[in-house]
Amino acid sequence: MGDLDEAVGFYALLGFRVESRYDGYVIMGRTPTTELHLSWFPDHDPHLTAGSIYLRTTDPQALYDSLRAELTRQGVLYPAPASGLTPELTAELRARVASGERLVRLHEIEDKPWGMREFTVIDTAGNAVRVGQVSAG
């Protein structure tokens, strides 16, 4: 169940706390109206399948700053441009992970053309977690 515990630790960085825990299943909460349900699948391969999550928040900048500081403190931050990885950055990231480094990819926060201020972080299972709010202008 180590993978599930790692996911719980990751989502704690985004302000979620464990509400309930079952065999292979955890419910985490962030506010009284926000829940995140995590399941553990022993045969899951994040290189073959992954998902995407969108988390709307009232202050994505504060969450980004806090997450970046904590990932830096832990020595696992892999900063990435908001526009995505280039082939060179992809090759570098894959080589570092293959050598055994534990890295969390965090894309810069920016105002998107579709009217959202957002950033993306890749969780420990390979899921893209986009975090944002409607832009002020």
Protein backbone atom coordinates (compact mmCIF):
# COMPACT_ATOMS: atom_id res chain seq x y z
CA MET A 1 0.00 0.00 0.00
CA GLY A 2 3.06 2.25 -0.26
CA ASP A 3 1.89 3.87 -3.50
CA LEU A 4 -1.35 4.99 -1.86
CA ASP A 5 0.55 6.44 1.10
CA GLU A 6 2.79 8.33 -1.32
CA ALA A 7 -0.27 9.75 -3.08
CA VAL A 8 -1.77 10.80 0.27
CA GLY A 9 1.48 12.62 1.07
CA PHE A 10 1.44 14.35 -2.31
CA TYR A 11 -2.14 15.59 -1.98
CA ALA A 12 -1.43 16.79 1.56
CA LEU A 13 0.91 19.29 -0.13
CA LEU A 14 -2.16 20.65 -1.94
CA GLY A 15 -4.03 21.11 1.33
CA PHE A 16 -5.99 17.84 1.45
CA ARG A 17 -6.28 15.81 4.66
CA VAL A 18 -7.32 12.20 5.20
CA GLU A 19 -11.00 11.95 6.13
CA SER A 20 -11.45 8.15 5.82
CA ARG A 21 -9.16 5.24 5.05
CA TYR A 22 -10.14 1.76 3.87
CA ASP A 23 -8.24 -1.14 2.38
CA GLY A 24 -6.82 0.31 -0.86
CA TYR A 25 -9.01 3.42 -0.73
CA VAL A 26 -8.66 6.85 0.90
CA ILE A 27 -11.04 9.81 1.01
CA MET A 28 -9.33 13.17 1.47
CA GLY A 29 -10.97 16.55 2.07
CA ARG A 30 -9.84 20.11 1.51
CA THR A 31 -12.94 22.07 2.47
CA PRO A 32 -16.36 20.91 3.65
CA THR A 33 -17.44 20.72 -0.01
CA THR A 34 -14.26 19.33 -1.63
CA GLU A 35 -13.35 15.63 -1.53
CA LEU A 36 -10.73 13.65 -3.36
CA HIS A 37 -11.02 9.85 -3.55
CA LEU A 38 -7.84 7.84 -4.13
CA SER A 39 -7.71 4.16 -5.07
CA TRP A 40 -4.73 1.85 -5.08
CA PHE A 41 -4.32 -0.46 -8.07
CA PRO A 42 -1.24 -2.70 -7.75
CA ASP A 43 -1.00 -3.30 -11.52
CA HIS A 44 -1.22 0.39 -12.50
CA ASP A 45 1.65 1.53 -14.73
CA PRO A 46 1.86 5.34 -14.85
CA HIS A 47 3.91 5.11 -18.06
CA LEU A 48 0.97 3.49 -19.85
CA THR A 49 -2.09 5.11 -18.26
CA ALA A 50 -2.74 8.27 -16.32
CA GLY A 51 -5.49 10.72 -15.65
CA SER A 52 -6.09 14.40 -15.30
CA ILE A 53 -7.57 16.39 -12.44
CA TYR A 54 -8.65 20.04 -12.39
CA LEU A 55 -8.71 21.77 -9.01
CA ARG A 56 -10.34 25.19 -8.87
CA THR A 57 -9.17 27.36 -6.01
CA THR A 58 -9.55 30.98 -4.95
CA ASP A 59 -5.78 31.61 -4.86
CA PRO A 60 -3.72 29.46 -7.20
CA GLN A 61 -0.67 31.71 -6.76
CA ALA A 62 -0.52 31.03 -3.00
CA LEU A 63 -0.92 27.29 -3.60
CA TYR A 64 1.76 27.35 -6.30
CA ASP A 65 4.19 29.28 -4.09
CA SER A 66 3.59 26.94 -1.15
CA LEU A 67 3.93 23.80 -3.28
CA ARG A 68 7.09 25.06 -4.99
CA ALA A 69 8.69 25.92 -1.64
CA GLU A 70 7.85 22.50 -0.17
CA LEU A 71 9.05 20.55 -3.22
CA THR A 72 12.27 22.60 -3.16
CA ARG A 73 12.68 21.90 0.56
CA GLN A 74 12.25 18.17 -0.09
CA GLY A 75 14.74 18.31 -2.97
CA VAL A 76 12.28 16.82 -5.49
CA LEU A 77 11.27 19.90 -7.53
CA TYR A 78 11.61 19.62 -11.30
CA PRO A 79 10.56 23.09 -12.57
CA ALA A 80 9.04 23.11 -16.03
CA PRO A 81 7.86 25.89 -18.33
CA ALA A 82 4.12 26.56 -18.44
CA SER A 83 4.17 25.78 -22.16
CA GLY A 84 5.25 22.18 -21.56
CA LEU A 85 8.39 20.13 -21.93
CA THR A 86 10.67 20.39 -24.93
CA PRO A 87 12.24 17.19 -26.30
CA GLU A 88 15.48 18.15 -24.52
CA LEU A 89 13.75 18.64 -21.14
CA THR A 90 11.84 15.39 -21.63
CA ALA A 91 15.09 13.50 -22.27
CA GLU A 92 16.72 15.11 -19.21
CA LEU A 93 13.76 14.31 -16.96
CA ARG A 94 13.57 10.70 -18.12
CA ALA A 95 17.31 10.21 -17.60
CA ARG A 96 17.17 11.64 -14.08
CA VAL A 97 14.17 9.49 -13.14
CA ALA A 98 15.82 6.40 -14.69
CA SER A 99 18.88 7.05 -12.53
CA GLY A 100 16.68 6.79 -9.45
CA GLU A 101 15.93 10.43 -8.70
CA ARG A 102 12.49 11.10 -7.25
CA LEU A 103 11.21 14.23 -8.98
CA VAL A 104 7.90 16.11 -9.05
CA ARG A 105 7.31 18.14 -12.20
CA LEU A 106 5.80 21.56 -11.49
CA HIS A 107 4.91 23.81 -14.41
CA GLU A 108 5.06 27.58 -13.97
CA ILE A 109 1.87 29.45 -13.17
CA GLU A 110 0.54 31.79 -15.84
CA ASP A 111 -2.57 33.50 -17.19
CA LYS A 112 -3.90 31.29 -19.97
CA PRO A 113 -5.58 32.59 -23.15
CA TRP A 114 -8.82 30.83 -22.12
CA GLY A 115 -9.22 33.15 -19.13
CA MET A 116 -7.75 31.04 -16.33
CA ARG A 117 -4.72 31.62 -14.09
CA GLU A 118 -3.31 28.14 -13.63
CA PHE A 119 -0.41 25.78 -13.21
CA THR A 120 0.09 22.05 -13.62
CA VAL A 121 1.85 19.57 -11.35
CA ILE A 122 2.33 15.88 -12.12
CA ASP A 123 1.41 13.73 -9.12
CA THR A 124 3.30 10.65 -7.97
CA ALA A 125 1.14 8.34 -10.10
CA GLY A 126 1.71 10.36 -13.29
CA ASN A 127 -1.61 12.23 -13.29
CA ALA A 128 -1.70 15.83 -14.46
CA VAL A 129 -3.19 18.05 -11.75
CA ARG A 130 -4.16 21.45 -13.14
CA VAL A 131 -4.89 24.09 -10.54
CA GLY A 132 -6.47 27.45 -11.33
CA GLN A 133 -9.11 30.10 -11.10
CA VAL A 134 -10.80 32.49 -13.50
CA SER A 135 -8.37 35.33 -14.30
CA ALA A 136 -9.04 38.77 -12.88
CA GLY A 137 -8.98 40.48 -16.23
